[in-house]
Amino acid sequence: MFTVFLRVVGSVQLALGMAYLFFPGALLQQMGHSAAAPDLYYPLGMLAARFVAYGLGFWIISREAKEHALWVALMGLIQAIDLGVGMAYTAAGVLPLQLSGFPMFNAVWIGVTCIIWFLRQDRVSARRA
């Protein structure tokens, strides 16, 4: 079951990465964000590289996640940071909740799932030792 989770999350990461890489303006507009200045497409392209790499990584590790638990734990950290940033910008009034709510919801369920899975692996390893 966790294999499916990793592949779903990996697929979402790949889709976001490709969209930020090839269609950043259209993606931002579709999400409801303000138009970005063209010079911002460069850092969005760098962000895209990280989405693509993590998405591919999750597909690669999906069959043997226990051997690559650090990848899962770090995705939990990424989601915690995403949630914190979303909450901060929403609380400051920069983003309306209708724009940040769905990504923050995703950050919670993905992050919590990754962290719980990681912590359980640690306990299983300790019992085996």
N, C-alpha and C. Protein backbone atom coordinates (compact mmCIF):
# COMPACT_ATOMS: atom_id res chain seq x y z
N MET A 1 0.81 -1.20 0.00
CA MET A 1 0.00 0.00 0.00
C MET A 1 0.86 1.26 0.00
N PHE A 2 1.97 1.22 0.73
CA PHE A 2 2.84 2.40 0.77
C PHE A 2 3.48 2.64 -0.59
N THR A 3 3.68 1.58 -1.36
CA THR A 3 4.19 1.73 -2.73
C THR A 3 3.26 2.62 -3.54
N VAL A 4 1.96 2.41 -3.41
CA VAL A 4 0.98 3.22 -4.13
C VAL A 4 1.07 4.68 -3.67
N PHE A 5 1.15 4.88 -2.37
CA PHE A 5 1.28 6.24 -1.83
C PHE A 5 2.50 6.93 -2.44
N LEU A 6 3.65 6.27 -2.44
CA LEU A 6 4.87 6.89 -2.98
C LEU A 6 4.72 7.20 -4.46
N ARG A 7 4.07 6.33 -5.19
CA ARG A 7 3.89 6.57 -6.63
C ARG A 7 2.90 7.70 -6.91
N VAL A 8 1.87 7.80 -6.08
CA VAL A 8 0.91 8.91 -6.25
C VAL A 8 1.62 10.23 -5.95
N VAL A 9 2.32 10.28 -4.82
CA VAL A 9 3.04 11.51 -4.47
C VAL A 9 4.11 11.81 -5.52
N GLY A 10 4.83 10.79 -5.97
CA GLY A 10 5.83 10.98 -7.01
C GLY A 10 5.23 11.51 -8.30
N SER A 11 4.07 11.00 -8.67
CA SER A 11 3.40 11.47 -9.89
C SER A 11 2.97 12.92 -9.77
N VAL A 12 2.47 13.30 -8.60
CA VAL A 12 2.09 14.70 -8.38
C VAL A 12 3.33 15.59 -8.48
N GLN A 13 4.43 15.14 -7.89
CA GLN A 13 5.67 15.92 -7.94
C GLN A 13 6.14 16.07 -9.39
N LEU A 14 6.07 14.98 -10.16
CA LEU A 14 6.47 15.04 -11.57
C LEU A 14 5.58 15.99 -12.36
N ALA A 15 4.28 15.91 -12.13
CA ALA A 15 3.35 16.78 -12.86
C ALA A 15 3.60 18.25 -12.53
N LEU A 16 3.77 18.55 -11.24
CA LEU A 16 4.08 19.93 -10.86
C LEU A 16 5.41 20.38 -11.46
N GLY A 17 6.38 19.51 -11.42
CA GLY A 17 7.70 19.85 -11.97
C GLY A 17 7.63 20.17 -13.45
N MET A 18 6.95 19.35 -14.20
CA MET A 18 6.83 19.58 -15.64
C MET A 18 6.05 20.87 -15.93
N ALA A 19 5.00 21.09 -15.16
CA ALA A 19 4.21 22.31 -15.37
C ALA A 19 5.02 23.56 -15.04
N TYR A 20 5.75 23.54 -13.91
CA TYR A 20 6.59 24.69 -13.56
C TYR A 20 7.74 24.87 -14.54
N LEU A 21 8.21 23.78 -15.12
CA LEU A 21 9.32 23.87 -16.06
C LEU A 21 8.88 24.41 -17.42
N PHE A 22 7.78 23.88 -17.94
CA PHE A 22 7.39 24.22 -19.31
C PHE A 22 6.27 25.25 -19.42
N PHE A 23 5.43 25.40 -18.39
CA PHE A 23 4.29 26.32 -18.47
C PHE A 23 4.12 27.10 -17.17
N PRO A 24 5.16 27.75 -16.67
CA PRO A 24 5.04 28.38 -15.35
C PRO A 24 3.96 29.45 -15.29
N GLY A 25 3.88 30.28 -16.29
CA GLY A 25 2.88 31.35 -16.28
C GLY A 25 1.47 30.81 -16.30
N ALA A 26 1.23 29.84 -17.16
CA ALA A 26 -0.10 29.24 -17.27
C ALA A 26 -0.48 28.51 -15.98
N LEU A 27 0.48 27.83 -15.37
CA LEU A 27 0.21 27.12 -14.12
C LEU A 27 -0.18 28.10 -13.02
N LEU A 28 0.60 29.14 -12.87
CA LEU A 28 0.30 30.13 -11.84
C LEU A 28 -1.07 30.78 -12.07
N GLN A 29 -1.36 31.08 -13.32
CA GLN A 29 -2.66 31.68 -13.65
C GLN A 29 -3.79 30.71 -13.34
N GLN A 30 -3.62 29.43 -13.70
CA GLN A 30 -4.65 28.42 -13.45
C GLN A 30 -4.91 28.26 -11.95
N MET A 31 -3.84 28.39 -11.15
CA MET A 31 -3.97 28.27 -9.69
C MET A 31 -4.61 29.51 -9.07
N GLY A 32 -4.62 30.63 -9.81
CA GLY A 32 -5.21 31.85 -9.28
C GLY A 32 -4.20 32.84 -8.74
N HIS A 33 -2.91 32.60 -8.97
CA HIS A 33 -1.87 33.51 -8.50
C HIS A 33 -1.75 34.73 -9.42
N SER A 34 -1.13 35.75 -8.91
CA SER A 34 -0.81 36.92 -9.72
C SER A 34 0.19 36.52 -10.79
N ALA A 35 0.18 37.26 -11.88
CA ALA A 35 1.15 37.00 -12.94
C ALA A 35 2.56 37.24 -12.41
N ALA A 36 3.45 36.35 -12.75
CA ALA A 36 4.84 36.47 -12.30
C ALA A 36 5.64 37.24 -13.35
N ALA A 37 6.56 38.05 -12.87
CA ALA A 37 7.48 38.72 -13.78
C ALA A 37 8.32 37.64 -14.48
N PRO A 38 8.64 37.84 -15.75
CA PRO A 38 9.37 36.81 -16.49
C PRO A 38 10.69 36.37 -15.84
N ASP A 39 11.34 37.26 -15.10
CA ASP A 39 12.60 36.86 -14.48
C ASP A 39 12.38 35.83 -13.36
N LEU A 40 11.16 35.70 -12.86
CA LEU A 40 10.86 34.70 -11.83
C LEU A 40 10.75 33.29 -12.41
N TYR A 41 10.66 33.19 -13.73
CA TYR A 41 10.58 31.85 -14.34
C TYR A 41 11.87 31.08 -14.14
N TYR A 42 12.98 31.78 -13.97
CA TYR A 42 14.25 31.08 -13.69
C TYR A 42 14.21 30.35 -12.36
N PRO A 43 13.90 31.01 -11.23
CA PRO A 43 13.82 30.24 -9.98
C PRO A 43 12.69 29.20 -10.00
N LEU A 44 11.62 29.46 -10.75
CA LEU A 44 10.57 28.46 -10.87
C LEU A 44 11.08 27.23 -11.62
N GLY A 45 11.95 27.46 -12.60
CA GLY A 45 12.58 26.34 -13.30
C GLY A 45 13.48 25.53 -12.37
N MET A 46 14.18 26.23 -11.47
CA MET A 46 15.01 25.51 -10.49
C MET A 46 14.12 24.73 -9.53
N LEU A 47 13.00 25.30 -9.12
CA LEU A 47 12.03 24.59 -8.29
C LEU A 47 11.52 23.35 -9.04
N ALA A 48 11.26 23.52 -10.32
CA ALA A 48 10.78 22.41 -11.14
C ALA A 48 11.76 21.24 -11.12
N ALA A 49 13.05 21.54 -11.16
CA ALA A 49 14.05 20.48 -11.14
C ALA A 49 13.93 19.64 -9.87
N ARG A 50 13.65 20.29 -8.77
CA ARG A 50 13.52 19.57 -7.49
C ARG A 50 12.25 18.73 -7.46
N PHE A 51 11.16 19.25 -8.01
CA PHE A 51 9.93 18.47 -8.11
C PHE A 51 10.17 17.22 -8.96
N VAL A 52 10.80 17.41 -10.11
CA VAL A 52 11.05 16.28 -11.02
C VAL A 52 11.97 15.25 -10.36
N ALA A 53 13.04 15.70 -9.74
CA ALA A 53 13.97 14.77 -9.10
C ALA A 53 13.30 13.99 -7.97
N TYR A 54 12.53 14.67 -7.15
CA TYR A 54 11.87 13.98 -6.04
C TYR A 54 10.79 13.04 -6.57
N GLY A 55 10.08 13.46 -7.61
CA GLY A 55 9.05 12.59 -8.19
C GLY A 55 9.66 11.32 -8.75
N LEU A 56 10.74 11.46 -9.51
CA LEU A 56 11.43 10.27 -10.02
C LEU A 56 11.98 9.42 -8.88
N GLY A 57 12.55 10.09 -7.89
CA GLY A 57 13.09 9.37 -6.73
C GLY A 57 12.03 8.54 -6.04
N PHE A 58 10.84 9.09 -5.86
CA PHE A 58 9.77 8.34 -5.18
C PHE A 58 9.34 7.14 -6.01
N TRP A 59 9.32 7.27 -7.33
CA TRP A 59 9.00 6.11 -8.17
C TRP A 59 10.08 5.04 -8.04
N ILE A 60 11.32 5.47 -8.02
CA ILE A 60 12.44 4.51 -7.95
C ILE A 60 12.45 3.78 -6.62
N ILE A 61 12.21 4.49 -5.52
CA ILE A 61 12.29 3.85 -4.20
C ILE A 61 11.00 3.16 -3.80
N SER A 62 9.94 3.30 -4.56
CA SER A 62 8.62 2.85 -4.12
C SER A 62 8.55 1.36 -3.79
N ARG A 63 9.34 0.54 -4.44
CA ARG A 63 9.29 -0.90 -4.17
C ARG A 63 10.13 -1.31 -2.97
N GLU A 64 11.08 -0.48 -2.61
CA GLU A 64 11.98 -0.79 -1.49
C GLU A 64 12.13 0.43 -0.58
N ALA A 65 11.01 0.97 -0.16
CA ALA A 65 11.01 2.21 0.62
C ALA A 65 11.81 2.07 1.91
N LYS A 66 11.75 0.92 2.55
CA LYS A 66 12.45 0.76 3.83
C LYS A 66 13.94 1.01 3.70
N GLU A 67 14.49 0.68 2.56
CA GLU A 67 15.92 0.90 2.33
C GLU A 67 16.24 2.37 2.03
N HIS A 68 15.22 3.15 1.78
CA HIS A 68 15.41 4.56 1.42
C HIS A 68 14.55 5.45 2.31
N ALA A 69 14.46 5.11 3.58
CA ALA A 69 13.57 5.82 4.51
C ALA A 69 13.90 7.30 4.62
N LEU A 70 15.15 7.67 4.43
CA LEU A 70 15.52 9.08 4.53
C LEU A 70 14.78 9.92 3.50
N TRP A 71 14.59 9.40 2.28
CA TRP A 71 13.83 10.11 1.25
C TRP A 71 12.42 10.43 1.76
N VAL A 72 11.81 9.46 2.41
CA VAL A 72 10.45 9.62 2.91
C VAL A 72 10.42 10.66 4.04
N ALA A 73 11.38 10.56 4.95
CA ALA A 73 11.45 11.52 6.06
C ALA A 73 11.67 12.93 5.54
N LEU A 74 12.51 13.08 4.54
CA LEU A 74 12.77 14.42 3.99
C LEU A 74 11.55 14.98 3.27
N MET A 75 10.74 14.11 2.66
CA MET A 75 9.49 14.60 2.07
C MET A 75 8.57 15.09 3.17
N GLY A 76 8.58 14.43 4.32
CA GLY A 76 7.81 14.92 5.47
C GLY A 76 8.27 16.31 5.87
N LEU A 77 9.59 16.52 5.88
CA LEU A 77 10.14 17.85 6.20
C LEU A 77 9.73 18.88 5.15
N ILE A 78 9.82 18.52 3.89
CA ILE A 78 9.41 19.43 2.81
C ILE A 78 7.96 19.86 3.02
N GLN A 79 7.10 18.89 3.33
CA GLN A 79 5.68 19.21 3.51
C GLN A 79 5.46 20.08 4.75
N ALA A 80 6.22 19.86 5.80
CA ALA A 80 6.11 20.71 7.00
C ALA A 80 6.50 22.14 6.68
N ILE A 81 7.57 22.31 5.90
CA ILE A 81 7.98 23.66 5.48
C ILE A 81 6.92 24.28 4.59
N ASP A 82 6.40 23.50 3.63
CA ASP A 82 5.33 24.01 2.76
C ASP A 82 4.13 24.49 3.58
N LEU A 83 3.74 23.70 4.57
CA LEU A 83 2.61 24.06 5.41
C LEU A 83 2.91 25.34 6.19
N GLY A 84 4.09 25.44 6.77
CA GLY A 84 4.46 26.63 7.52
C GLY A 84 4.47 27.88 6.67
N VAL A 85 5.01 27.77 5.47
CA VAL A 85 5.04 28.93 4.56
C VAL A 85 3.62 29.32 4.16
N GLY A 86 2.81 28.31 3.85
CA GLY A 86 1.42 28.59 3.49
C GLY A 86 0.66 29.27 4.61
N MET A 87 0.84 28.77 5.82
CA MET A 87 0.17 29.38 6.97
C MET A 87 0.64 30.82 7.21
N ALA A 88 1.94 31.04 7.07
CA ALA A 88 2.49 32.38 7.30
C ALA A 88 1.95 33.38 6.28
N TYR A 89 1.97 33.01 5.00
CA TYR A 89 1.50 33.94 3.98
C TYR A 89 -0.01 34.13 4.03
N THR A 90 -0.73 33.09 4.43
CA THR A 90 -2.18 33.22 4.58
C THR A 90 -2.51 34.11 5.78
N ALA A 91 -1.83 33.87 6.89
CA ALA A 91 -2.06 34.69 8.10
C ALA A 91 -1.70 36.15 7.87
N ALA A 92 -0.68 36.39 7.06
CA ALA A 92 -0.26 37.77 6.79
C ALA A 92 -1.17 38.47 5.78
N GLY A 93 -2.10 37.72 5.19
CA GLY A 93 -3.02 38.31 4.23
C GLY A 93 -2.48 38.40 2.82
N VAL A 94 -1.34 37.79 2.58
CA VAL A 94 -0.75 37.80 1.23
C VAL A 94 -1.52 36.85 0.32
N LEU A 95 -1.91 35.70 0.86
CA LEU A 95 -2.65 34.69 0.11
C LEU A 95 -4.02 34.49 0.73
N PRO A 96 -5.06 34.43 -0.08
CA PRO A 96 -6.37 34.07 0.48
C PRO A 96 -6.41 32.55 0.72
N LEU A 97 -7.20 32.14 1.66
CA LEU A 97 -7.31 30.73 2.00
C LEU A 97 -7.75 29.89 0.80
N GLN A 98 -8.55 30.45 -0.07
CA GLN A 98 -8.98 29.67 -1.24
C GLN A 98 -7.80 29.33 -2.16
N LEU A 99 -6.73 30.07 -2.07
CA LEU A 99 -5.53 29.79 -2.86
C LEU A 99 -4.57 28.87 -2.13
N SER A 100 -4.49 29.00 -0.83
CA SER A 100 -3.51 28.23 -0.05
C SER A 100 -4.10 26.99 0.61
N GLY A 101 -5.41 26.91 0.73
CA GLY A 101 -6.05 25.83 1.47
C GLY A 101 -5.76 24.44 0.92
N PHE A 102 -5.92 24.25 -0.37
CA PHE A 102 -5.71 22.93 -0.97
C PHE A 102 -4.25 22.48 -0.86
N PRO A 103 -3.27 23.34 -1.21
CA PRO A 103 -1.88 22.93 -1.01
C PRO A 103 -1.54 22.65 0.45
N MET A 104 -2.11 23.43 1.37
CA MET A 104 -1.82 23.18 2.79
C MET A 104 -2.46 21.87 3.25
N PHE A 105 -3.65 21.57 2.77
CA PHE A 105 -4.28 20.28 3.07
C PHE A 105 -3.40 19.14 2.58
N ASN A 106 -2.90 19.25 1.35
CA ASN A 106 -2.01 18.23 0.81
C ASN A 106 -0.73 18.11 1.63
N ALA A 107 -0.20 19.24 2.07
CA ALA A 107 1.02 19.21 2.89
C ALA A 107 0.78 18.44 4.18
N VAL A 108 -0.41 18.59 4.74
CA VAL A 108 -0.71 17.89 5.99
C VAL A 108 -0.78 16.39 5.76
N TRP A 109 -1.61 15.93 4.82
CA TRP A 109 -1.78 14.48 4.69
C TRP A 109 -0.52 13.80 4.16
N ILE A 110 0.18 14.45 3.24
CA ILE A 110 1.41 13.84 2.73
C ILE A 110 2.48 13.84 3.82
N GLY A 111 2.65 14.98 4.48
CA GLY A 111 3.67 15.09 5.52
C GLY A 111 3.42 14.15 6.68
N VAL A 112 2.19 14.10 7.17
CA VAL A 112 1.86 13.22 8.29
C VAL A 112 2.06 11.76 7.91
N THR A 113 1.63 11.39 6.72
CA THR A 113 1.81 10.00 6.27
C THR A 113 3.29 9.64 6.21
N CYS A 114 4.11 10.52 5.65
CA CYS A 114 5.55 10.26 5.55
C CYS A 114 6.19 10.13 6.93
N ILE A 115 5.88 11.05 7.81
CA ILE A 115 6.51 11.04 9.14
C ILE A 115 6.06 9.82 9.96
N ILE A 116 4.76 9.52 9.93
CA ILE A 116 4.29 8.34 10.67
C ILE A 116 4.95 7.08 10.13
N TRP A 117 5.00 6.94 8.82
CA TRP A 117 5.64 5.76 8.23
C TRP A 117 7.11 5.69 8.65
N PHE A 118 7.80 6.81 8.57
CA PHE A 118 9.22 6.84 8.94
C PHE A 118 9.42 6.45 10.39
N LEU A 119 8.63 7.00 11.28
CA LEU A 119 8.76 6.69 12.72
C LEU A 119 8.46 5.22 12.99
N ARG A 120 7.52 4.65 12.29
CA ARG A 120 7.22 3.22 12.46
C ARG A 120 8.38 2.36 11.97
N GLN A 121 9.05 2.79 10.93
CA GLN A 121 10.20 2.02 10.42
C GLN A 121 11.30 1.98 11.46
N ASP A 122 11.48 3.11 12.11
CA ASP A 122 12.51 3.20 13.14
C ASP A 122 12.22 2.22 14.28
N ARG A 123 10.96 2.13 14.68
CA ARG A 123 10.57 1.21 15.76
C ARG A 123 10.73 -0.24 15.32
N VAL A 124 10.35 -0.54 14.08
CA VAL A 124 10.49 -1.90 13.57
C VAL A 124 11.95 -2.30 13.54
N SER A 125 12.83 -1.40 13.11
CA SER A 125 14.26 -1.68 13.08
C SER A 125 14.80 -1.91 14.47
N ALA A 126 14.33 -1.13 15.46
CA ALA A 126 14.79 -1.26 16.83
C ALA A 126 14.38 -2.61 17.41
N ARG A 127 13.18 -3.08 17.08
CA ARG A 127 12.72 -4.38 17.59
C ARG A 127 13.51 -5.53 17.00
N ARG A 128 13.94 -5.37 15.75
CA ARG A 128 14.71 -6.42 15.09
C ARG A 128 16.13 -6.52 15.60
N ALA A 129 16.65 -5.42 16.13
CA ALA A 129 18.05 -5.40 16.58
C ALA A 129 18.26 -6.12 17.88
